[in-house]
Amino acid sequence: MTTIVINEKSVGAKKLVEYLRTQPFVTIVEEKAPTDSLLKSMEEAEVGKTTEYNSTEELFSKLREKGNV
């Protein structure tokens, strides 16, 4: 198996991917890049900038207080 990473931002790259889709021996696995907000959340979790709750009831109670639910 060979892995090729193609940045599909250019017209040529998009055409290449479309061509490869027509080939019977090619399987394309698309991966979505994480959003900036997800990356920021992951970084915060790694450094311990998190909030802990003792139960789901406590979590939803806090969310209701903030008006998020």
Protein backbone atom coordinates (compact mmCIF):
# COMPACT_ATOMS: atom_id res chain seq x y z
CA MET A 1 0.00 0.00 0.00
CA THR A 2 1.17 3.50 -0.83
CA THR A 3 -0.16 6.69 0.74
CA ILE A 4 -0.24 9.93 -1.22
CA VAL A 5 -1.34 13.20 0.35
CA ILE A 6 -2.87 15.69 -2.08
CA ASN A 7 -3.74 19.24 -1.12
CA GLU A 8 -6.88 19.83 -3.17
CA LYS A 9 -6.69 23.62 -3.17
CA SER A 10 -5.39 23.90 -6.73
CA VAL A 11 -7.30 23.14 -9.92
CA GLY A 12 -4.67 20.63 -11.02
CA ALA A 13 -4.90 18.72 -7.75
CA LYS A 14 -8.69 18.55 -8.00
CA LYS A 15 -8.43 17.20 -11.53
CA LEU A 16 -5.90 14.60 -10.41
CA VAL A 17 -8.19 13.40 -7.63
CA GLU A 18 -11.12 13.17 -10.03
CA TYR A 19 -8.99 11.12 -12.42
CA LEU A 20 -7.86 8.81 -9.63
CA ARG A 21 -11.50 8.24 -8.63
CA THR A 22 -12.10 6.68 -12.06
CA GLN A 23 -9.41 4.05 -11.58
CA PRO A 24 -10.64 0.64 -10.34
CA PHE A 25 -7.49 -0.03 -8.29
CA VAL A 26 -7.61 3.26 -6.36
CA THR A 27 -9.36 3.72 -3.02
CA ILE A 28 -9.58 7.30 -1.80
CA VAL A 29 -9.85 7.86 1.94
CA GLU A 30 -10.74 11.46 2.71
CA GLU A 31 -9.75 12.98 6.02
CA LYS A 32 -11.14 16.21 7.37
CA ALA A 33 -8.71 18.62 8.97
CA PRO A 34 -9.64 19.70 12.49
CA THR A 35 -11.06 23.20 12.87
CA ASP A 36 -9.17 25.95 14.65
CA SER A 37 -11.59 25.83 17.59
CA LEU A 38 -11.08 22.07 17.95
CA LEU A 39 -7.29 22.48 17.88
CA LYS A 40 -7.53 25.20 20.54
CA SER A 41 -9.74 22.97 22.71
CA MET A 42 -7.29 20.08 22.38
CA GLU A 43 -4.39 22.32 23.40
CA GLU A 44 -6.33 23.57 26.44
CA ALA A 45 -7.14 19.99 27.45
CA GLU A 46 -3.48 18.98 27.17
CA VAL A 47 -2.37 21.73 29.57
CA GLY A 48 -5.17 20.95 32.02
CA LYS A 49 -7.41 23.93 31.30
CA THR A 50 -10.58 21.91 31.85
CA THR A 51 -13.61 21.85 34.10
CA GLU A 52 -14.66 18.73 35.98
CA TYR A 53 -18.15 17.77 37.06
CA ASN A 54 -19.25 14.99 39.41
CA SER A 55 -22.26 14.04 37.30
CA THR A 56 -24.07 14.81 34.09
CA GLU A 57 -26.79 16.48 36.16
CA GLU A 58 -24.20 18.92 37.54
CA LEU A 59 -22.87 19.60 34.04
CA PHE A 60 -26.31 20.36 32.59
CA SER A 61 -27.21 22.46 35.61
CA LYS A 62 -24.14 24.66 34.99
CA LEU A 63 -24.93 24.86 31.28
CA ARG A 64 -28.51 25.92 32.01
CA GLU A 65 -27.22 28.63 34.35
CA LYS A 66 -25.08 30.00 31.52
CA GLY A 67 -27.97 29.77 29.07
CA ASN A 68 -26.20 27.30 26.78
CA VAL A 69 -28.93 24.63 27.04
